[in-house]
Amino acid sequence: MSAHALTALPSAQPVPAFRGRIGCDARSGHYAVPRRYRLHLSLSCPSCLRIAIAHSLLGLEDVCPVTPLPAVPDGPGGEHSALRPLYEASAHRYAGAAVAPVLSDDWSGRIVSTHAPDIVRDLARHFGTGRPALYPQGAEAEIEGVQRLCEQGIDAAAQRAGRADADAEERDVALTSLLTTLRSLEGRLARQEYLLGDRLTVADVELWVSLVQLDTVHRWHLDAAAVHRLADHPHLWAYARRLAAHPAFGAHLDLDGIARRHHANCRGLEAAGAAVQILDWAAHIPNRTATQPS
């Protein structure tokens, strides 16, 4: 699985509402100052979960505070009403949904960014000195390739494979694409501990959250035979199990919140695969020191 192959898939993510950067543009005034910025995260959201894991790996609890949001948004379009004042202060007559994740500037009371990859990259670059190198030198292209692979090869393919309004051929094509992706990852993880070698990087954060979504959300719309085929990748799921036991990963895994968010928004049909859990995530989550927001 080369870096070139990983970057071949186009991104399907929508364009975020805000794309400010910390320390990249002198005109913005977003200087890297500890405790100036704040994260607003709902752990049932995959993008928020990725940021929360990276934030913990970097040890930034005292540098960039986190304001937790409920698992299930309380407004239309996935909106969190608590974020509405921030959005309206940041864009005149903002008409879109006030969604998470958000990186805000406590000095100005405005939003810096809602784009998860940029948020993680800026936190690591400007506040992660002396911490684990989530972005090893020379690995940027391969990390971006993993991000696209997770978006298209796992997340989007799993959604298409479980679509109730798709015909059997469309679902089969999507399932084949998903299994091909998992097979390539299985081969890599059979040879090494982490995706990029012997040390954990942000690529592992990306993949782990996609595997969580695959087992806790997408399998609800797949038949049992398909879920058994997904589970037949022992190195991949052993890797997922091992990371679940890592405090920076498992401590943020709100299984109940993910389930409630999914069932509150999903309009698809439940399939037989819903009863076939691939991994017992709860059995591997370390003891939590704080209660997850509801």
C-alpha atoms as a PDB file:
ATOM      1  CA  MET A   1       0.000   0.000   0.000  1.00  0.00           C
ATOM      2  CA  SER A   2       2.176   2.856  -1.284  1.00  0.00           C
ATOM      3  CA  ALA A   3       1.794   6.549  -0.616  1.00  0.00           C
ATOM      4  CA  HIS A   4       0.850   7.007  -4.263  1.00  0.00           C
ATOM      5  CA  ALA A   5      -1.932   4.441  -4.007  1.00  0.00           C
ATOM      6  CA  LEU A   6      -3.230   6.002  -0.827  1.00  0.00           C
ATOM      7  CA  THR A   7      -3.591   9.432  -2.426  1.00  0.00           C
ATOM      8  CA  ALA A   8      -5.503   8.221  -5.463  1.00  0.00           C
ATOM      9  CA  LEU A   9      -8.966   8.584  -3.927  1.00  0.00           C
ATOM     10  CA  PRO A  10     -10.734  11.961  -4.139  1.00  0.00           C
ATOM     11  CA  SER A  11     -12.090  13.543  -0.963  1.00  0.00           C
ATOM     12  CA  ALA A  12     -15.852  13.560  -0.388  1.00  0.00           C
ATOM     13  CA  GLN A  13     -15.826  15.885   2.629  1.00  0.00           C
ATOM     14  CA  PRO A  14     -17.926  19.060   2.317  1.00  0.00           C
ATOM     15  CA  VAL A  15     -16.112  22.387   2.331  1.00  0.00           C
ATOM     16  CA  PRO A  16     -15.998  23.593   5.966  1.00  0.00           C
ATOM     17  CA  ALA A  17     -17.536  26.932   6.906  1.00  0.00           C
ATOM     18  CA  PHE A  18     -14.319  28.252   8.497  1.00  0.00           C
ATOM     19  CA  ARG A  19     -10.715  27.487   7.549  1.00  0.00           C
ATOM     20  CA  GLY A  20      -8.599  29.830   9.689  1.00  0.00           C
ATOM     21  CA  ARG A  21      -5.164  28.623  10.766  1.00  0.00           C
ATOM     22  CA  ILE A  22      -3.056  29.141  13.860  1.00  0.00           C
ATOM     23  CA  GLY A  23       0.254  30.838  13.189  1.00  0.00           C
ATOM     24  CA  CYS A  24       0.043  30.601   9.393  1.00  0.00           C
ATOM     25  CA  ASP A  25      -1.211  34.055   8.462  1.00  0.00           C
ATOM     26  CA  ALA A  26       0.032  37.170  10.250  1.00  0.00           C
ATOM     27  CA  ARG A  27      -2.998  39.125   9.050  1.00  0.00           C
ATOM     28  CA  SER A  28      -5.364  36.805  10.923  1.00  0.00           C
ATOM     29  CA  GLY A  29      -3.733  37.496  14.268  1.00  0.00           C
ATOM     30  CA  HIS A  30      -4.083  33.822  15.276  1.00  0.00           C
ATOM     31  CA  TYR A  31      -0.809  33.533  17.132  1.00  0.00           C
ATOM     32  CA  ALA A  32       0.129  30.349  18.992  1.00  0.00           C
ATOM     33  CA  VAL A  33      -0.604  31.378  22.570  1.00  0.00           C
ATOM     34  CA  PRO A  34      -1.357  28.723  25.240  1.00  0.00           C
ATOM     35  CA  ARG A  35      -4.934  28.809  26.618  1.00  0.00           C
ATOM     36  CA  ARG A  36      -6.037  31.299  23.987  1.00  0.00           C
ATOM     37  CA  TYR A  37      -7.923  28.707  21.935  1.00  0.00           C
ATOM     38  CA  ARG A  38     -10.749  26.349  22.852  1.00  0.00           C
ATOM     39  CA  LEU A  39     -12.142  23.164  21.301  1.00  0.00           C
ATOM     40  CA  HIS A  40     -15.885  22.457  21.199  1.00  0.00           C
ATOM     41  CA  LEU A  41     -16.362  18.728  20.682  1.00  0.00           C
ATOM     42  CA  SER A  42     -19.138  16.149  20.622  1.00  0.00           C
ATOM     43  CA  LEU A  43     -17.479  12.740  20.986  1.00  0.00           C
ATOM     44  CA  SER A  44     -20.228  10.935  19.066  1.00  0.00           C
ATOM     45  CA  CYS A  45     -19.068  12.816  15.936  1.00  0.00           C
ATOM     46  CA  PRO A  46     -16.171  11.089  14.105  1.00  0.00           C
ATOM     47  CA  SER A  47     -14.352  14.342  13.323  1.00  0.00           C
ATOM     48  CA  CYS A  48     -14.629  15.453  16.948  1.00  0.00           C
ATOM     49  CA  LEU A  49     -13.441  12.063  18.167  1.00  0.00           C
ATOM     50  CA  ARG A  50     -10.347  12.305  15.966  1.00  0.00           C
ATOM     51  CA  ILE A  51      -9.519  15.742  17.362  1.00  0.00           C
ATOM     52  CA  ALA A  52     -10.084  14.598  20.964  1.00  0.00           C
ATOM     53  CA  ILE A  53      -7.714  11.647  20.530  1.00  0.00           C
ATOM     54  CA  ALA A  54      -4.974  13.779  18.975  1.00  0.00           C
ATOM     55  CA  HIS A  55      -5.483  16.422  21.697  1.00  0.00           C
ATOM     56  CA  SER A  56      -4.884  13.758  24.367  1.00  0.00           C
ATOM     57  CA  LEU A  57      -1.898  12.213  22.556  1.00  0.00           C
ATOM     58  CA  LEU A  58      -0.319  15.679  22.465  1.00  0.00           C
ATOM     59  CA  GLY A  59      -1.100  16.283  26.144  1.00  0.00           C
ATOM     60  CA  LEU A  60      -2.804  19.608  25.505  1.00  0.00           C
ATOM     61  CA  GLU A  61      -5.425  19.510  28.277  1.00  0.00           C
ATOM     62  CA  ASP A  62      -3.910  22.585  29.970  1.00  0.00           C
ATOM     63  CA  VAL A  63      -2.919  24.343  26.742  1.00  0.00           C
ATOM     64  CA  CYS A  64      -6.171  24.203  24.772  1.00  0.00           C
ATOM     65  CA  PRO A  65      -9.297  23.585  26.912  1.00  0.00           C
ATOM     66  CA  VAL A  66     -12.161  21.460  25.629  1.00  0.00           C
ATOM     67  CA  THR A  67     -15.833  22.349  25.990  1.00  0.00           C
ATOM     68  CA  PRO A  68     -17.890  19.134  25.663  1.00  0.00           C
ATOM     69  CA  LEU A  69     -21.094  19.107  23.640  1.00  0.00           C
ATOM     70  CA  PRO A  70     -24.031  16.658  23.885  1.00  0.00           C
ATOM     71  CA  ALA A  71     -23.867  13.432  21.902  1.00  0.00           C
ATOM     72  CA  VAL A  72     -27.079  14.220  20.014  1.00  0.00           C
ATOM     73  CA  PRO A  73     -27.298  17.705  18.432  1.00  0.00           C
ATOM     74  CA  ASP A  74     -30.369  19.637  19.528  1.00  0.00           C
ATOM     75  CA  GLY A  75     -31.056  21.513  16.290  1.00  0.00           C
ATOM     76  CA  PRO A  76     -31.687  20.887  12.580  1.00  0.00           C
ATOM     77  CA  GLY A  77     -28.809  19.889  10.320  1.00  0.00           C
ATOM     78  CA  GLY A  78     -26.809  18.487  13.220  1.00  0.00           C
ATOM     79  CA  GLU A  79     -26.721  21.882  14.938  1.00  0.00           C
ATOM     80  CA  HIS A  80     -25.632  22.435  18.531  1.00  0.00           C
ATOM     81  CA  SER A  81     -27.506  25.480  19.807  1.00  0.00           C
ATOM     82  CA  ALA A  82     -24.646  26.234  22.206  1.00  0.00           C
ATOM     83  CA  LEU A  83     -22.452  26.993  19.181  1.00  0.00           C
ATOM     84  CA  ARG A  84     -24.909  29.398  17.520  1.00  0.00           C
ATOM     85  CA  PRO A  85     -23.496  32.549  19.248  1.00  0.00           C
ATOM     86  CA  LEU A  86     -19.978  31.657  18.053  1.00  0.00           C
ATOM     87  CA  TYR A  87     -21.119  31.172  14.465  1.00  0.00           C
ATOM     88  CA  GLU A  88     -23.142  34.377  14.423  1.00  0.00           C
ATOM     89  CA  ALA A  89     -20.238  36.341  15.914  1.00  0.00           C
ATOM     90  CA  SER A  90     -17.901  34.927  13.273  1.00  0.00           C
ATOM     91  CA  ALA A  91     -19.999  35.478  10.115  1.00  0.00           C
ATOM     92  CA  HIS A  92     -22.540  38.247   9.548  1.00  0.00           C
ATOM     93  CA  ARG A  93     -26.047  36.781   9.131  1.00  0.00           C
ATOM     94  CA  TYR A  94     -24.714  33.230   9.203  1.00  0.00           C
ATOM     95  CA  ALA A  95     -27.554  31.034   7.911  1.00  0.00           C
ATOM     96  CA  GLY A  96     -26.014  27.568   8.091  1.00  0.00           C
ATOM     97  CA  ALA A  97     -26.077  25.009  10.892  1.00  0.00           C
ATOM     98  CA  ALA A  98     -23.860  25.592  13.918  1.00  0.00           C
ATOM     99  CA  VAL A  99     -22.057  22.255  13.913  1.00  0.00           C
ATOM    100  CA  ALA A 100     -19.057  20.718  15.662  1.00  0.00           C
ATOM    101  CA  PRO A 101     -16.107  20.493  15.679  1.00  0.00           C
ATOM    102  CA  VAL A 102     -15.109  24.075  16.376  1.00  0.00           C
ATOM    103  CA  LEU A 103     -11.798  25.630  17.322  1.00  0.00           C
ATOM    104  CA  SER A 104     -12.572  29.063  18.759  1.00  0.00           C
ATOM    105  CA  ASP A 105     -10.488  32.031  19.886  1.00  0.00           C
ATOM    106  CA  ASP A 106     -11.346  33.037  23.463  1.00  0.00           C
ATOM    107  CA  TRP A 107      -9.759  36.459  22.920  1.00  0.00           C
ATOM    108  CA  SER A 108     -12.101  37.454  20.103  1.00  0.00           C
ATOM    109  CA  GLY A 109     -15.048  35.155  20.789  1.00  0.00           C
ATOM    110  CA  ARG A 110     -14.948  33.978  17.174  1.00  0.00           C
ATOM    111  CA  ILE A 111     -14.334  30.746  15.301  1.00  0.00           C
ATOM    112  CA  VAL A 112     -10.885  29.973  13.939  1.00  0.00           C
ATOM    113  CA  SER A 113     -11.664  26.704  12.158  1.00  0.00           C
ATOM    114  CA  THR A 114     -14.230  23.958  11.739  1.00  0.00           C
ATOM    115  CA  HIS A 115     -11.936  21.798   9.577  1.00  0.00           C
ATOM    116  CA  ALA A 116     -10.748  18.821  11.644  1.00  0.00           C
ATOM    117  CA  PRO A 117      -7.522  17.971   9.722  1.00  0.00           C
ATOM    118  CA  ASP A 118      -6.307  21.593   9.917  1.00  0.00           C
ATOM    119  CA  ILE A 119      -7.187  21.801  13.610  1.00  0.00           C
ATOM    120  CA  VAL A 120      -5.203  18.664  14.452  1.00  0.00           C
ATOM    121  CA  ARG A 121      -2.272  19.734  12.276  1.00  0.00           C
ATOM    122  CA  ASP A 122      -2.080  23.189  13.874  1.00  0.00           C
ATOM    123  CA  LEU A 123      -2.331  21.849  17.424  1.00  0.00           C
ATOM    124  CA  ALA A 124       0.472  19.382  16.712  1.00  0.00           C
ATOM    125  CA  ARG A 125       2.670  21.915  14.943  1.00  0.00           C
ATOM    126  CA  HIS A 126       2.365  24.817  17.383  1.00  0.00           C
ATOM    127  CA  PHE A 127       1.635  23.216  20.745  1.00  0.00           C
ATOM    128  CA  GLY A 128       2.988  19.688  20.410  1.00  0.00           C
ATOM    129  CA  THR A 129       6.683  20.418  20.991  1.00  0.00           C
ATOM    130  CA  GLY A 130       8.276  17.594  22.931  1.00  0.00           C
ATOM    131  CA  ARG A 131       5.209  15.380  22.400  1.00  0.00           C
ATOM    132  CA  PRO A 132       4.825  12.342  20.115  1.00  0.00           C
ATOM    133  CA  ALA A 133       5.371  13.287  16.469  1.00  0.00           C
ATOM    134  CA  LEU A 134       1.899  12.756  15.046  1.00  0.00           C
ATOM    135  CA  TYR A 135       3.182  14.110  11.712  1.00  0.00           C
ATOM    136  CA  PRO A 136       6.641  12.553  11.177  1.00  0.00           C
ATOM    137  CA  GLN A 137       8.886  14.426   8.782  1.00  0.00           C
ATOM    138  CA  GLY A 138       8.324  13.301   5.213  1.00  0.00           C
ATOM    139  CA  ALA A 139       5.081  11.433   5.986  1.00  0.00           C
ATOM    140  CA  GLU A 140       2.590  14.206   5.163  1.00  0.00           C
ATOM    141  CA  ALA A 141       1.580  12.812   1.745  1.00  0.00           C
ATOM    142  CA  GLU A 142       1.053   9.318   3.105  1.00  0.00           C
ATOM    143  CA  ILE A 143      -1.001  10.635   6.034  1.00  0.00           C
ATOM    144  CA  GLU A 144      -3.230  12.583   3.644  1.00  0.00           C
ATOM    145  CA  GLY A 145      -3.569   9.415   1.599  1.00  0.00           C
ATOM    146  CA  VAL A 146      -4.751   7.495   4.671  1.00  0.00           C
ATOM    147  CA  GLN A 147      -7.305  10.227   5.354  1.00  0.00           C
ATOM    148  CA  ARG A 148      -8.722   9.874   1.834  1.00  0.00           C
ATOM    149  CA  LEU A 149      -8.626   6.096   2.039  1.00  0.00           C
ATOM    150  CA  CYS A 150     -10.665   6.179   5.254  1.00  0.00           C
ATOM    151  CA  GLU A 151     -13.165   8.657   3.793  1.00  0.00           C
ATOM    152  CA  GLN A 152     -13.734   6.823   0.516  1.00  0.00           C
ATOM    153  CA  GLY A 153     -12.542   3.252   0.959  1.00  0.00           C
ATOM    154  CA  ILE A 154     -14.150   2.692   4.371  1.00  0.00           C
ATOM    155  CA  ASP A 155     -16.692   5.367   5.379  1.00  0.00           C
ATOM    156  CA  ALA A 156     -18.280   6.150   1.996  1.00  0.00           C
ATOM    157  CA  ALA A 157     -18.046   2.548   0.743  1.00  0.00           C
ATOM    158  CA  ALA A 158     -19.737   1.235   3.904  1.00  0.00           C
ATOM    159  CA  GLN A 159     -22.524   3.796   3.563  1.00  0.00           C
ATOM    160  CA  ARG A 160     -23.152   2.780  -0.057  1.00  0.00           C
ATOM    161  CA  ALA A 161     -23.045  -0.919   0.824  1.00  0.00           C
ATOM    162  CA  GLY A 162     -25.833  -0.417   3.375  1.00  0.00           C
ATOM    163  CA  ARG A 163     -28.078   1.928   1.423  1.00  0.00           C
ATOM    164  CA  ALA A 164     -31.657   0.667   1.421  1.00  0.00           C
ATOM    165  CA  ASP A 165     -32.467   2.556  -1.807  1.00  0.00           C
ATOM    166  CA  ALA A 166     -29.564   1.030  -3.774  1.00  0.00           C
ATOM    167  CA  ASP A 167     -29.980  -2.073  -5.896  1.00  0.00           C
ATOM    168  CA  ALA A 168     -28.160  -5.318  -5.157  1.00  0.00           C
ATOM    169  CA  GLU A 169     -25.436  -4.663  -7.740  1.00  0.00           C
ATOM    170  CA  GLU A 170     -24.624  -1.225  -6.312  1.00  0.00           C
ATOM    171  CA  ARG A 171     -24.393  -2.630  -2.799  1.00  0.00           C
ATOM    172  CA  ASP A 172     -22.166  -5.494  -3.973  1.00  0.00           C
ATOM    173  CA  VAL A 173     -19.791  -3.101  -5.741  1.00  0.00           C
ATOM    174  CA  ALA A 174     -19.543  -0.946  -2.624  1.00  0.00           C
ATOM    175  CA  LEU A 175     -18.986  -3.956  -0.375  1.00  0.00           C
ATOM    176  CA  THR A 176     -16.235  -5.214  -2.692  1.00  0.00           C
ATOM    177  CA  SER A 177     -14.547  -1.807  -2.533  1.00  0.00           C
ATOM    178  CA  LEU A 178     -14.763  -1.818   1.266  1.00  0.00           C
ATOM    179  CA  LEU A 179     -13.344  -5.344   1.534  1.00  0.00           C
ATOM    180  CA  THR A 180     -10.510  -4.469  -0.859  1.00  0.00           C
ATOM    181  CA  THR A 181      -9.553  -1.542   1.370  1.00  0.00           C
ATOM    182  CA  LEU A 182      -9.659  -3.653   4.524  1.00  0.00           C
ATOM    183  CA  ARG A 183      -7.580  -6.360   2.838  1.00  0.00           C
ATOM    184  CA  SER A 184      -4.846  -3.858   1.961  1.00  0.00           C
ATOM    185  CA  LEU A 185      -4.800  -2.551   5.528  1.00  0.00           C
ATOM    186  CA  GLU A 186      -4.760  -6.094   6.896  1.00  0.00           C
ATOM    187  CA  GLY A 187      -1.649  -6.850   4.855  1.00  0.00           C
ATOM    188  CA  ARG A 188       0.148  -3.789   6.137  1.00  0.00           C
ATOM    189  CA  LEU A 189      -0.740  -4.398   9.786  1.00  0.00           C
ATOM    190  CA  ALA A 190       0.354  -8.025   9.508  1.00  0.00           C
ATOM    191  CA  ARG A 191       3.897  -6.705   8.938  1.00  0.00           C
ATOM    192  CA  GLN A 192       4.080  -3.762  11.338  1.00  0.00           C
ATOM    193  CA  GLU A 193       2.591  -2.394  14.545  1.00  0.00           C
ATOM    194  CA  TYR A 194       1.168   0.854  13.165  1.00  0.00           C
ATOM    195  CA  LEU A 195       0.135   2.109   9.742  1.00  0.00           C
ATOM    196  CA  LEU A 196       3.360   4.004   9.083  1.00  0.00           C
ATOM    197  CA  GLY A 197       5.748   1.656  10.848  1.00  0.00           C
ATOM    198  CA  ASP A 198       6.778   1.269  14.481  1.00  0.00           C
ATOM    199  CA  ARG A 199       5.304   4.482  15.913  1.00  0.00           C
ATOM    200  CA  LEU A 200       1.821   5.848  16.294  1.00  0.00           C
ATOM    201  CA  THR A 201       0.866   8.788  14.051  1.00  0.00           C
ATOM    202  CA  VAL A 202      -2.252  10.732  13.130  1.00  0.00           C
ATOM    203  CA  ALA A 203      -2.816   8.120  10.382  1.00  0.00           C
ATOM    204  CA  ASP A 204      -3.671   5.622  13.127  1.00  0.00           C
ATOM    205  CA  VAL A 205      -6.130   8.083  14.649  1.00  0.00           C
ATOM    206  CA  GLU A 206      -7.857   8.400  11.265  1.00  0.00           C
ATOM    207  CA  LEU A 207      -8.106   4.648  10.702  1.00  0.00           C
ATOM    208  CA  TRP A 208      -9.158   3.759  14.250  1.00  0.00           C
ATOM    209  CA  VAL A 209     -12.116   6.153  14.194  1.00  0.00           C
ATOM    210  CA  SER A 210     -13.207   4.777  10.801  1.00  0.00           C
ATOM    211  CA  LEU A 211     -13.101   1.245  12.237  1.00  0.00           C
ATOM    212  CA  VAL A 212     -15.184   2.390  15.217  1.00  0.00           C
ATOM    213  CA  GLN A 213     -17.761   3.856  12.828  1.00  0.00           C
ATOM    214  CA  LEU A 214     -17.733   0.740  10.691  1.00  0.00           C
ATOM    215  CA  ASP A 215     -18.559  -1.515  13.641  1.00  0.00           C
ATOM    216  CA  THR A 216     -20.842   0.762  15.676  1.00  0.00           C
ATOM    217  CA  VAL A 217     -22.746   2.560  12.884  1.00  0.00           C
ATOM    218  CA  HIS A 218     -22.411   1.132   9.373  1.00  0.00           C
ATOM    219  CA  ARG A 219     -22.840  -2.550  10.226  1.00  0.00           C
ATOM    220  CA  TRP A 220     -26.438  -1.826  11.290  1.00  0.00           C
ATOM    221  CA  HIS A 221     -27.347  -1.659   7.596  1.00  0.00           C
ATOM    222  CA  LEU A 222     -25.357  -4.664   6.347  1.00  0.00           C
ATOM    223  CA  ASP A 223     -26.439  -8.286   6.268  1.00  0.00           C
ATOM    224  CA  ALA A 224     -24.831 -10.807   8.606  1.00  0.00           C
ATOM    225  CA  ALA A 225     -22.744 -12.431   5.856  1.00  0.00           C
ATOM    226  CA  ALA A 226     -21.214  -9.066   4.963  1.00  0.00           C
ATOM    227  CA  VAL A 227     -20.353  -8.290   8.584  1.00  0.00           C
ATOM    228  CA  HIS A 228     -18.674 -11.685   8.985  1.00  0.00           C
ATOM    229  CA  ARG A 229     -16.551 -10.878   5.921  1.00  0.00           C
ATOM    230  CA  LEU A 230     -15.583  -7.529   7.447  1.00  0.00           C
ATOM    231  CA  ALA A 231     -14.604  -9.267  10.684  1.00  0.00           C
ATOM    232  CA  ASP A 232     -12.348 -11.708   8.828  1.00  0.00           C
ATOM    233  CA  HIS A 233      -9.294  -9.426   9.084  1.00  0.00           C
ATOM    234  CA  PRO A 234      -7.626 -10.544  12.340  1.00  0.00           C
ATOM    235  CA  HIS A 235      -4.612  -8.211  12.288  1.00  0.00           C
ATOM    236  CA  LEU A 236      -6.783  -5.181  11.557  1.00  0.00           C
ATOM    237  CA  TRP A 237      -9.217  -5.809  14.403  1.00  0.00           C
ATOM    238  CA  ALA A 238      -6.424  -6.792  16.814  1.00  0.00           C
ATOM    239  CA  TYR A 239      -4.909  -3.389  16.028  1.00  0.00           C
ATOM    240  CA  ALA A 240      -8.273  -1.708  16.712  1.00  0.00           C
ATOM    241  CA  ARG A 241      -8.577  -3.617  20.003  1.00  0.00           C
ATOM    242  CA  ARG A 242      -5.057  -2.635  21.060  1.00  0.00           C
ATOM    243  CA  LEU A 243      -5.657   1.056  20.393  1.00  0.00           C
ATOM    244  CA  ALA A 244      -8.986   0.932  22.252  1.00  0.00           C
ATOM    245  CA  ALA A 245      -6.985   0.035  25.376  1.00  0.00           C
ATOM    246  CA  HIS A 246      -4.786   3.133  24.912  1.00  0.00           C
ATOM    247  CA  PRO A 247      -6.042   5.908  27.263  1.00  0.00           C
ATOM    248  CA  ALA A 248      -5.926   8.571  24.533  1.00  0.00           C
ATOM    249  CA  PHE A 249      -8.242   6.454  22.363  1.00  0.00           C
ATOM    250  CA  GLY A 250     -10.607   4.414  24.506  1.00  0.00           C
ATOM    251  CA  ALA A 251     -11.217   7.075  27.145  1.00  0.00           C
ATOM    252  CA  HIS A 252     -12.949   9.215  24.505  1.00  0.00           C
ATOM    253  CA  LEU A 253     -15.086   6.435  23.043  1.00  0.00           C
ATOM    254  CA  ASP A 254     -18.708   7.233  23.897  1.00  0.00           C
ATOM    255  CA  LEU A 255     -20.438   4.091  22.652  1.00  0.00           C
ATOM    256  CA  ASP A 256     -23.843   5.052  24.031  1.00  0.00           C
ATOM    257  CA  GLY A 257     -23.573   8.525  22.522  1.00  0.00           C
ATOM    258  CA  ILE A 258     -22.610   7.143  19.097  1.00  0.00           C
ATOM    259  CA  ALA A 259     -25.605   4.802  19.176  1.00  0.00           C
ATOM    260  CA  ARG A 260     -28.033   7.546  20.221  1.00  0.00           C
ATOM    261  CA  ARG A 261     -26.709   9.958  17.593  1.00  0.00           C
ATOM    262  CA  HIS A 262     -26.997   7.302  14.889  1.00  0.00           C
ATOM    263  CA  HIS A 263     -30.531   6.253  15.782  1.00  0.00           C
ATOM    264  CA  ALA A 264     -31.662   9.878  16.143  1.00  0.00           C
ATOM    265  CA  ASN A 265     -30.632  10.703  12.577  1.00  0.00           C
ATOM    266  CA  CYS A 266     -30.691   7.448  10.631  1.00  0.00           C
ATOM    267  CA  ARG A 267     -33.605   6.739   8.307  1.00  0.00           C
ATOM    268  CA  GLY A 268     -32.222   3.492   6.865  1.00  0.00           C
ATOM    269  CA  LEU A 269     -33.425  -0.037   7.487  1.00  0.00           C
ATOM    270  CA  GLU A 270     -31.764  -2.218  10.101  1.00  0.00           C
ATOM    271  CA  ALA A 271     -30.276  -5.416   8.650  1.00  0.00           C
ATOM    272  CA  ALA A 272     -29.247  -8.730  10.167  1.00  0.00           C
ATOM    273  CA  GLY A 273     -25.651  -7.518  10.575  1.00  0.00           C
ATOM    274  CA  ALA A 274     -26.767  -5.261  13.416  1.00  0.00           C
ATOM    275  CA  ALA A 275     -26.722  -8.306  15.684  1.00  0.00           C
ATOM    276  CA  VAL A 276     -23.151  -9.306  14.726  1.00  0.00           C
ATOM    277  CA  GLN A 277     -20.740  -7.114  16.676  1.00  0.00           C
ATOM    278  CA  ILE A 278     -17.198  -7.301  15.302  1.00  0.00           C
ATOM    279  CA  LEU A 279     -15.404  -6.054  18.421  1.00  0.00           C
ATOM    280  CA  ASP A 280     -16.449  -5.795  22.059  1.00  0.00           C
ATOM    281  CA  TRP A 281     -15.223  -2.221  22.374  1.00  0.00           C
ATOM    282  CA  ALA A 282     -16.451  -1.725  25.932  1.00  0.00           C
ATOM    283  CA  ALA A 283     -14.344  -4.637  27.180  1.00  0.00           C
ATOM    284  CA  HIS A 284     -11.147  -2.864  26.117  1.00  0.00           C
ATOM    285  CA  ILE A 285     -11.895   0.729  27.119  1.00  0.00           C
ATOM    286  CA  PRO A 286      -9.740   1.857  30.076  1.00  0.00           C
ATOM    287  CA  ASN A 287     -11.440   3.184  33.196  1.00  0.00           C
ATOM    288  CA  ARG A 288     -12.662   6.733  32.678  1.00  0.00           C
ATOM    289  CA  THR A 289     -11.974   9.541  35.087  1.00  0.00           C
ATOM    290  CA  ALA A 290     -14.863  11.686  33.872  1.00  0.00           C
ATOM    291  CA  THR A 291     -18.423  11.099  32.761  1.00  0.00           C
ATOM    292  CA  GLN A 292     -19.110  11.617  29.071  1.00  0.00           C
ATOM    293  CA  PRO A 293     -21.584  14.410  28.204  1.00  0.00           C
ATOM    294  CA  SER A 294     -25.096  13.322  27.344  1.00  0.00           C
END
